[in-house]
PDB file of N, CA and C in Angstrom:
ATOM      1  N   UNK A   1       0.737  -1.195  -0.013  1.00  0.00           N
ATOM      2  CA  UNK A   1      -0.042   0.095  -0.096  1.00  0.00           C
ATOM      3  C   UNK A   1       0.899   1.024   0.101  1.00  0.00           C
ATOM      4  N   UNK A   2       0.396   2.323  -0.647  1.00  0.00           N
ATOM      5  CA  UNK A   2       1.184   3.460  -0.837  1.00  0.00           C
ATOM      6  C   UNK A   2       0.464   4.599  -0.120  1.00  0.00           C
ATOM      7  N   UNK A   3       0.909   5.337   0.680  1.00  0.00           N
ATOM      8  CA  UNK A   3       0.547   6.505   1.430  1.00  0.00           C
ATOM      9  C   UNK A   3      -0.010   7.727   0.451  1.00  0.00           C
ATOM     10  N   UNK A   4      -1.343   7.789   0.510  1.00  0.00           N
ATOM     11  CA  UNK A   4      -1.906   8.865  -0.308  1.00  0.00           C
ATOM     12  C   UNK A   4      -1.818  10.239   0.494  1.00  0.00           C
ATOM     13  N   UNK A   5      -2.276  10.340   1.626  1.00  0.00           N
ATOM     14  CA  UNK A   5      -2.076  11.513   2.567  1.00  0.00           C
ATOM     15  C   UNK A   5      -2.926  11.446   3.687  1.00  0.00           C
ATOM     16  N   UNK A   6      -3.274  12.366   4.283  1.00  0.00           N
ATOM     17  CA  UNK A   6      -4.008  12.645   5.447  1.00  0.00           C
ATOM     18  C   UNK A   6      -5.421  13.325   5.089  1.00  0.00           C
ATOM     19  N   UNK A   7      -6.546  12.608   5.605  1.00  0.00           N
ATOM     20  CA  UNK A   7      -7.748  13.533   5.460  1.00  0.00           C
ATOM     21  C   UNK A   7      -8.036  14.845   6.088  1.00  0.00           C
ATOM     22  N   UNK A   8      -8.076  15.954   5.335  1.00  0.00           N
ATOM     23  CA  UNK A   8      -8.049  17.311   5.945  1.00  0.00           C
ATOM     24  C   UNK A   8      -9.326  17.820   6.365  1.00  0.00           C
ATOM     25  N   UNK A   9     -10.332  17.554   5.394  1.00  0.00           N
ATOM     26  CA  UNK A   9     -11.452  18.191   5.437  1.00  0.00           C
ATOM     27  C   UNK A   9     -12.789  17.487   4.733  1.00  0.00           C
ATOM     28  N   UNK A  10     -13.942  17.935   5.009  1.00  0.00           N
ATOM     29  CA  UNK A  10     -15.053  17.377   4.208  1.00  0.00           C
ATOM     30  C   UNK A  10     -15.754  18.582   3.364  1.00  0.00           C
ATOM     31  N   UNK A  11     -16.126  18.189   2.228  1.00  0.00           N
ATOM     32  CA  UNK A  11     -16.441  19.147   1.281  1.00  0.00           C
ATOM     33  C   UNK A  11     -18.062  19.325   1.569  1.00  0.00           C
ATOM     34  N   UNK A  12     -18.738  20.341   0.968  1.00  0.00           N
ATOM     35  CA  UNK A  12     -20.136  20.593   1.133  1.00  0.00           C
ATOM     36  C   UNK A  12     -21.007  19.455   0.542  1.00  0.00           C
ATOM     37  N   UNK A  13     -20.435  18.666  -0.506  1.00  0.00           N
ATOM     38  CA  UNK A  13     -21.027  17.533  -1.153  1.00  0.00           C
ATOM     39  C   UNK A  13     -20.842  16.250  -0.308  1.00  0.00           C
ATOM     40  N   UNK A  14     -20.137  16.400   0.751  1.00  0.00           N
ATOM     41  CA  UNK A  14     -19.804  15.073   1.536  1.00  0.00           C
ATOM     42  C   UNK A  14     -18.473  14.426   1.055  1.00  0.00           C
ATOM     43  N   UNK A  15     -17.668  14.881   0.178  1.00  0.00           N
ATOM     44  CA  UNK A  15     -16.390  14.213  -0.101  1.00  0.00           C
ATOM     45  C   UNK A  15     -15.500  14.604   0.823  1.00  0.00           C
ATOM     46  N   UNK A  16     -14.667  13.484   0.978  1.00  0.00           N
ATOM     47  CA  UNK A  16     -13.375  13.698   1.860  1.00  0.00           C
ATOM     48  C   UNK A  16     -12.250  14.459   0.910  1.00  0.00           C
ATOM     49  N   UNK A  17     -11.524  15.529   1.534  1.00  0.00           N
ATOM     50  CA  UNK A  17     -10.460  16.210   0.882  1.00  0.00           C
ATOM     51  C   UNK A  17      -9.153  15.767   1.528  1.00  0.00           C
ATOM     52  N   UNK A  18      -8.161  15.426   0.677  1.00  0.00           N
ATOM     53  CA  UNK A  18      -6.939  14.838   1.060  1.00  0.00           C
ATOM     54  C   UNK A  18      -5.939  15.615   0.464  1.00  0.00           C
ATOM     55  N   UNK A  19      -4.854  16.126   1.126  1.00  0.00           N
ATOM     56  CA  UNK A  19      -3.744  16.756   0.631  1.00  0.00           C
ATOM     57  C   UNK A  19      -2.720  15.458   0.134  1.00  0.00           C
ATOM     58  N   UNK A  20      -2.637  15.306  -1.097  1.00  0.00           N
ATOM     59  CA  UNK A  20      -2.053  14.051  -1.372  1.00  0.00           C
ATOM     60  C   UNK A  20      -0.547  14.298  -1.599  1.00  0.00           C
ATOM     61  N   UNK A  21       0.205  13.130  -1.468  1.00  0.00           N
ATOM     62  CA  UNK A  21       1.569  13.075  -1.895  1.00  0.00           C
ATOM     63  C   UNK A  21       1.955  12.953  -3.430  1.00  0.00           C
ATOM     64  N   UNK A  22       0.822  12.380  -3.939  1.00  0.00           N
ATOM     65  CA  UNK A  22       1.100  11.953  -5.413  1.00  0.00           C
ATOM     66  C   UNK A  22      -0.385  12.175  -6.159  1.00  0.00           C
ATOM     67  N   UNK A  23      -0.473  12.099  -7.482  1.00  0.00           N
ATOM     68  CA  UNK A  23      -1.948  12.200  -7.940  1.00  0.00           C
ATOM     69  C   UNK A  23      -2.271  10.827  -8.431  1.00  0.00           C
ATOM     70  N   UNK A  24      -3.275  10.279  -7.784  1.00  0.00           N
ATOM     71  CA  UNK A  24      -3.615   9.076  -8.172  1.00  0.00           C
ATOM     72  C   UNK A  24      -4.649   8.982  -9.267  1.00  0.00           C
ATOM     73  N   UNK A  25      -4.997   7.922  -9.777  1.00  0.00           N
ATOM     74  CA  UNK A  25      -5.976   7.721 -10.920  1.00  0.00           C
ATOM     75  C   UNK A  25      -7.434   7.932 -10.438  1.00  0.00           C
ATOM     76  N   UNK A  26      -8.234   8.580 -11.154  1.00  0.00           N
ATOM     77  CA  UNK A  26      -9.601   8.666 -10.813  1.00  0.00           C
ATOM     78  C   UNK A  26     -10.354   7.330 -10.757  1.00  0.00           C
ATOM     79  N   UNK A  27     -11.185   7.087  -9.901  1.00  0.00           N
ATOM     80  CA  UNK A  27     -11.835   5.900  -9.600  1.00  0.00           C
ATOM     81  C   UNK A  27     -10.993   4.823  -8.822  1.00  0.00           C
ATOM     82  N   UNK A  28      -9.954   5.202  -8.468  1.00  0.00           N
ATOM     83  CA  UNK A  28      -9.023   4.283  -7.735  1.00  0.00           C
ATOM     84  C   UNK A  28      -9.603   4.086  -6.217  1.00  0.00           C
ATOM     85  N   UNK A  29      -9.410   2.889  -5.723  1.00  0.00           N
ATOM     86  CA  UNK A  29      -9.991   2.633  -4.367  1.00  0.00           C
ATOM     87  C   UNK A  29      -9.002   3.079  -3.349  1.00  0.00           C
ATOM     88  N   UNK A  30      -9.614   3.780  -2.348  1.00  0.00           N
ATOM     89  CA  UNK A  30      -8.750   4.348  -1.241  1.00  0.00           C
ATOM     90  C   UNK A  30      -9.006   3.561   0.019  1.00  0.00           C
ATOM     91  N   UNK A  31      -8.169   3.220   0.701  1.00  0.00           N
ATOM     92  CA  UNK A  31      -8.364   2.433   1.984  1.00  0.00           C
ATOM     93  C   UNK A  31      -7.602   3.084   3.052  1.00  0.00           C
ATOM     94  N   UNK A  32      -8.089   2.531   4.433  1.00  0.00           N
ATOM     95  CA  UNK A  32      -7.385   3.063   5.586  1.00  0.00           C
ATOM     96  C   UNK A  32      -6.228   2.043   5.972  1.00  0.00           C
ATOM     97  N   UNK A  33      -5.721   2.270   7.152  1.00  0.00           N
ATOM     98  CA  UNK A  33      -4.543   1.661   7.519  1.00  0.00           C
ATOM     99  C   UNK A  33      -4.865   0.225   7.836  1.00  0.00           C
ATOM    100  N   UNK A  34      -6.030  -0.185   8.130  1.00  0.00           N
ATOM    101  CA  UNK A  34      -6.481  -1.562   8.265  1.00  0.00           C
ATOM    102  C   UNK A  34      -6.920  -2.292   6.980  1.00  0.00           C
ATOM    103  N   UNK A  35      -6.708  -1.553   5.699  1.00  0.00           N
ATOM    104  CA  UNK A  35      -6.951  -2.011   4.461  1.00  0.00           C
ATOM    105  C   UNK A  35      -8.553  -2.171   4.233  1.00  0.00           C
ATOM    106  N   UNK A  36      -9.315  -1.456   5.144  1.00  0.00           N
ATOM    107  CA  UNK A  36     -10.740  -1.283   4.936  1.00  0.00           C
ATOM    108  C   UNK A  36     -11.070  -0.036   4.009  1.00  0.00           C
ATOM    109  N   UNK A  37     -12.003  -0.417   3.099  1.00  0.00           N
ATOM    110  CA  UNK A  37     -12.218   0.547   1.956  1.00  0.00           C
ATOM    111  C   UNK A  37     -12.898   1.933   2.508  1.00  0.00           C
ATOM    112  N   UNK A  38     -12.330   3.059   2.191  1.00  0.00           N
ATOM    113  CA  UNK A  38     -12.926   4.350   2.547  1.00  0.00           C
ATOM    114  C   UNK A  38     -13.750   4.721   1.436  1.00  0.00           C
ATOM    115  N   UNK A  39     -13.298   4.653   0.252  1.00  0.00           N
ATOM    116  CA  UNK A  39     -14.222   5.246  -0.832  1.00  0.00           C
ATOM    117  C   UNK A  39     -13.207   5.170  -2.157  1.00  0.00           C
ATOM    118  N   UNK A  40     -13.733   6.027  -3.168  1.00  0.00           N
ATOM    119  CA  UNK A  40     -13.009   6.048  -4.510  1.00  0.00           C
ATOM    120  C   UNK A  40     -12.663   7.442  -4.744  1.00  0.00           C
ATOM    121  N   UNK A  41     -11.368   7.732  -5.469  1.00  0.00           N
ATOM    122  CA  UNK A  41     -11.098   8.789  -5.955  1.00  0.00           C
ATOM    123  C   UNK A  41     -12.045   9.409  -6.850  1.00  0.00           C
ATOM    124  N   UNK A  42     -12.596  10.636  -6.746  1.00  0.00           N
ATOM    125  CA  UNK A  42     -13.439  11.217  -7.646  1.00  0.00           C
ATOM    126  C   UNK A  42     -13.001  12.461  -8.405  1.00  0.00           C
ATOM    127  N   UNK A  43     -11.959  13.124  -7.801  1.00  0.00           N
ATOM    128  CA  UNK A  43     -11.420  14.202  -8.565  1.00  0.00           C
ATOM    129  C   UNK A  43      -9.861  14.509  -8.018  1.00  0.00           C
ATOM    130  N   UNK A  44      -9.054  14.863  -8.801  1.00  0.00           N
ATOM    131  CA  UNK A  44      -7.805  15.353  -8.454  1.00  0.00           C
ATOM    132  C   UNK A  44      -7.598  16.856  -8.992  1.00  0.00           C
ATOM    133  N   UNK A  45      -7.184  17.642  -8.126  1.00  0.00           N
ATOM    134  CA  UNK A  45      -7.187  19.074  -8.464  1.00  0.00           C
ATOM    135  C   UNK A  45      -6.095  19.800  -7.647  1.00  0.00           C
ATOM    136  N   UNK A  46      -5.784  20.970  -8.117  1.00  0.00           N
ATOM    137  CA  UNK A  46      -4.670  21.818  -7.398  1.00  0.00           C
ATOM    138  C   UNK A  46      -3.353  21.553  -8.234  1.00  0.00           C
ATOM    139  N   UNK A  47      -2.247  22.237  -7.444  1.00  0.00           N
ATOM    140  CA  UNK A  47      -0.924  22.185  -8.226  1.00  0.00           C
ATOM    141  C   UNK A  47      -0.395  20.597  -8.359  1.00  0.00           C
ATOM    142  N   UNK A  48       0.352  20.397  -9.356  1.00  0.00           N
ATOM    143  CA  UNK A  48       0.874  19.186  -9.724  1.00  0.00           C
ATOM    144  C   UNK A  48       1.911  18.643  -8.729  1.00  0.00           C
ATOM    145  N   UNK A  49       2.683  19.470  -7.925  1.00  0.00           N
ATOM    146  CA  UNK A  49       3.593  19.075  -7.121  1.00  0.00           C
ATOM    147  C   UNK A  49       2.960  18.736  -5.658  1.00  0.00           C
ATOM    148  N   UNK A  50       1.768  19.114  -5.245  1.00  0.00           N
ATOM    149  CA  UNK A  50       1.068  18.771  -4.187  1.00  0.00           C
ATOM    150  C   UNK A  50      -0.437  18.880  -4.371  1.00  0.00           C
ATOM    151  N   UNK A  51      -0.882  17.786  -4.993  1.00  0.00           N
ATOM    152  CA  UNK A  51      -2.510  17.924  -5.359  1.00  0.00           C
ATOM    153  C   UNK A  51      -3.334  17.536  -4.232  1.00  0.00           C
ATOM    154  N   UNK A  52      -4.527  18.051  -4.394  1.00  0.00           N
ATOM    155  CA  UNK A  52      -5.553  17.620  -3.640  1.00  0.00           C
ATOM    156  C   UNK A  52      -6.388  16.591  -4.234  1.00  0.00           C
ATOM    157  N   UNK A  53      -6.923  15.616  -3.458  1.00  0.00           N
ATOM    158  CA  UNK A  53      -7.773  14.499  -3.876  1.00  0.00           C
ATOM    159  C   UNK A  53      -9.060  14.791  -3.255  1.00  0.00           C
ATOM    160  N   UNK A  54     -10.320  14.640  -3.923  1.00  0.00           N
ATOM    161  CA  UNK A  54     -11.600  14.490  -3.486  1.00  0.00           C
ATOM    162  C   UNK A  54     -12.052  13.005  -3.669  1.00  0.00           C
ATOM    163  N   UNK A  55     -12.536  12.445  -2.379  1.00  0.00           N
ATOM    164  CA  UNK A  55     -12.925  11.127  -2.323  1.00  0.00           C
ATOM    165  C   UNK A  55     -14.454  10.951  -2.091  1.00  0.00           C
ATOM    166  N   UNK A  56     -15.044  10.100  -2.985  1.00  0.00           N
ATOM    167  CA  UNK A  56     -16.498   9.809  -2.586  1.00  0.00           C
ATOM    168  C   UNK A  56     -16.495   8.758  -1.566  1.00  0.00           C
ATOM    169  N   UNK A  57     -16.997   9.028  -0.316  1.00  0.00           N
ATOM    170  CA  UNK A  57     -17.003   8.027   0.517  1.00  0.00           C
ATOM    171  C   UNK A  57     -17.847   6.933   0.470  1.00  0.00           C
ATOM    172  N   UNK A  58     -17.752   5.639   1.062  1.00  0.00           N
ATOM    173  CA  UNK A  58     -18.622   4.713   1.131  1.00  0.00           C
ATOM    174  C   UNK A  58     -19.954   5.180   1.641  1.00  0.00           C
ATOM    175  N   UNK A  59     -21.044   4.658   1.541  1.00  0.00           N
ATOM    176  CA  UNK A  59     -22.367   5.005   1.921  1.00  0.00           C
ATOM    177  C   UNK A  59     -22.404   4.739   3.430  1.00  0.00           C
ATOM    178  N   UNK A  60     -21.895   3.695   3.940  1.00  0.00           N
ATOM    179  CA  UNK A  60     -22.050   3.445   5.364  1.00  0.00           C
ATOM    180  C   UNK A  60     -20.863   3.900   6.181  1.00  0.00           C
ATOM    181  N   UNK A  61     -19.957   4.714   5.593  1.00  0.00           N
ATOM    182  CA  UNK A  61     -18.821   5.358   6.467  1.00  0.00           C
ATOM    183  C   UNK A  61     -19.159   6.507   7.134  1.00  0.00           C
ATOM    184  N   UNK A  62     -18.751   6.630   8.446  1.00  0.00           N
ATOM    185  CA  UNK A  62     -18.916   7.818   9.180  1.00  0.00           C
ATOM    186  C   UNK A  62     -17.853   8.731   8.953  1.00  0.00           C
ATOM    187  N   UNK A  63     -17.991   9.782   8.119  1.00  0.00           N
ATOM    188  CA  UNK A  63     -17.015  10.659   7.539  1.00  0.00           C
ATOM    189  C   UNK A  63     -16.236  11.483   8.713  1.00  0.00           C
ATOM    190  N   UNK A  64     -17.018  11.940   9.798  1.00  0.00           N
ATOM    191  CA  UNK A  64     -16.314  12.543  10.739  1.00  0.00           C
ATOM    192  C   UNK A  64     -15.261  11.632  11.518  1.00  0.00           C
ATOM    193  N   UNK A  65     -15.284  10.249  11.335  1.00  0.00           N
ATOM    194  CA  UNK A  65     -14.478   9.507  12.024  1.00  0.00           C
ATOM    195  C   UNK A  65     -13.312   9.273  11.318  1.00  0.00           C
ATOM    196  N   UNK A  66     -13.234   9.640  10.047  1.00  0.00           N
ATOM    197  CA  UNK A  66     -11.966   9.545   9.137  1.00  0.00           C
ATOM    198  C   UNK A  66     -11.149  10.762   9.129  1.00  0.00           C
ATOM    199  N   UNK A  67     -11.670  12.044   9.615  1.00  0.00           N
ATOM    200  CA  UNK A  67     -10.876  13.251   9.595  1.00  0.00           C
ATOM    201  C   UNK A  67      -9.545  13.028  10.444  1.00  0.00           C
ATOM    202  N   UNK A  68      -8.497  13.455   9.704  1.00  0.00           N
ATOM    203  CA  UNK A  68      -7.253  13.291  10.377  1.00  0.00           C
ATOM    204  C   UNK A  68      -6.534  12.015  10.303  1.00  0.00           C
ATOM    205  N   UNK A  69      -7.108  11.165   9.677  1.00  0.00           N
ATOM    206  CA  UNK A  69      -6.501   9.729   9.433  1.00  0.00           C
ATOM    207  C   UNK A  69      -5.755   9.600   8.046  1.00  0.00           C
ATOM    208  N   UNK A  70      -4.801   8.794   8.143  1.00  0.00           N
ATOM    209  CA  UNK A  70      -4.041   8.482   6.914  1.00  0.00           C
ATOM    210  C   UNK A  70      -4.715   7.563   6.025  1.00  0.00           C
ATOM    211  N   UNK A  71      -4.836   7.752   4.680  1.00  0.00           N
ATOM    212  CA  UNK A  71      -5.333   6.910   3.752  1.00  0.00           C
ATOM    213  C   UNK A  71      -4.333   6.434   2.626  1.00  0.00           C
ATOM    214  N   UNK A  72      -4.601   5.334   2.191  1.00  0.00           N
ATOM    215  CA  UNK A  72      -3.570   4.632   1.210  1.00  0.00           C
ATOM    216  C   UNK A  72      -4.463   4.063   0.081  1.00  0.00           C
ATOM    217  N   UNK A  73      -3.573   3.934  -1.049  1.00  0.00           N
ATOM    218  CA  UNK A  73      -4.069   3.355  -2.265  1.00  0.00           C
ATOM    219  C   UNK A  73      -3.218   2.155  -2.420  1.00  0.00           C
ATOM    220  N   UNK A  74      -3.676   0.928  -3.085  1.00  0.00           N
ATOM    221  CA  UNK A  74      -2.929  -0.124  -3.256  1.00  0.00           C
ATOM    222  C   UNK A  74      -2.183   0.049  -4.466  1.00  0.00           C
ATOM    223  N   UNK A  75      -0.982  -0.377  -4.605  1.00  0.00           N
ATOM    224  CA  UNK A  75      -0.126  -0.329  -5.610  1.00  0.00           C
ATOM    225  C   UNK A  75      -0.436  -1.520  -6.569  1.00  0.00           C
ATOM    226  N   UNK A  76      -0.836  -1.215  -7.819  1.00  0.00           N
ATOM    227  CA  UNK A  76      -1.051  -2.265  -8.706  1.00  0.00           C
ATOM    228  C   UNK A  76      -0.048  -2.421  -9.711  1.00  0.00           C
ATOM    229  N   UNK A  77       0.095  -3.620  -9.837  1.00  0.00           N
ATOM    230  CA  UNK A  77       1.150  -3.959 -11.056  1.00  0.00           C
ATOM    231  C   UNK A  77       0.676  -3.956 -12.434  1.00  0.00           C
ATOM    232  N   UNK A  78       1.415  -3.973 -13.346  1.00  0.00           N
ATOM    233  CA  UNK A  78       1.020  -3.661 -14.710  1.00  0.00           C
ATOM    234  C   UNK A  78       0.525  -4.925 -15.232  1.00  0.00           C
ATOM    235  N   UNK A  79       0.577  -6.045 -14.515  1.00  0.00           N
ATOM    236  CA  UNK A  79       0.030  -7.365 -15.145  1.00  0.00           C
ATOM    237  C   UNK A  79       0.509  -7.673 -16.551  1.00  0.00           C
ATOM    238  N   UNK A  80       1.726  -7.412 -16.832  1.00  0.00           N
ATOM    239  CA  UNK A  80       2.239  -7.851 -18.133  1.00  0.00           C
ATOM    240  C   UNK A  80       1.851  -7.101 -19.166  1.00  0.00           C
ATOM    241  N   UNK A  81       1.247  -5.916 -19.168  1.00  0.00           N
ATOM    242  CA  UNK A  81       0.722  -5.055 -20.084  1.00  0.00           C
ATOM    243  C   UNK A  81       2.142  -4.391 -20.814  1.00  0.00           C
ATOM    244  N   UNK A  82       2.001  -4.529 -22.030  1.00  0.00           N
ATOM    245  CA  UNK A  82       3.316  -3.983 -22.675  1.00  0.00           C
ATOM    246  C   UNK A  82       4.302  -4.910 -23.140  1.00  0.00           C
ATOM    247  N   UNK A  83       3.998  -6.196 -22.549  1.00  0.00           N
ATOM    248  CA  UNK A  83       4.741  -7.378 -22.961  1.00  0.00           C
ATOM    249  C   UNK A  83       4.174  -7.936 -24.314  1.00  0.00           C
ATOM    250  N   UNK A  84       4.969  -8.138 -25.161  1.00  0.00           N
ATOM    251  CA  UNK A  84       4.370  -8.973 -26.280  1.00  0.00           C
ATOM    252  C   UNK A  84       5.307 -10.290 -26.533  1.00  0.00           C
ATOM    253  N   UNK A  85       4.365 -11.324 -26.966  1.00  0.00           N
ATOM    254  CA  UNK A  85       5.024 -12.515 -27.270  1.00  0.00           C
ATOM    255  C   UNK A  85       5.246 -12.725 -28.580  1.00  0.00           C
ATOM    256  N   UNK A  86       6.366 -13.198 -29.004  1.00  0.00           N
ATOM    257  CA  UNK A  86       6.530 -13.347 -30.557  1.00  0.00           C
ATOM    258  C   UNK A  86       6.366 -14.739 -30.890  1.00  0.00           C
TER     259      UNK A  86
END
């Protein structure tokens, strides 16, 4: 798992706002330190060196309980994409 950042705020739409260490892909699954799903990335915005990420939380998630917690994304492998067999 790769550290995405710390949940800093909740937007008016109910999304979690994270100041990220890198820019993840949209719709990537975000997890907490216990590998429980927090939600999915809905938007990446701000400067490229230190982007912000908006996360759509799971429906049953208590968003106030997640404030100040570190969130992670799973590192995915390429699964052989780009390799060709002759």
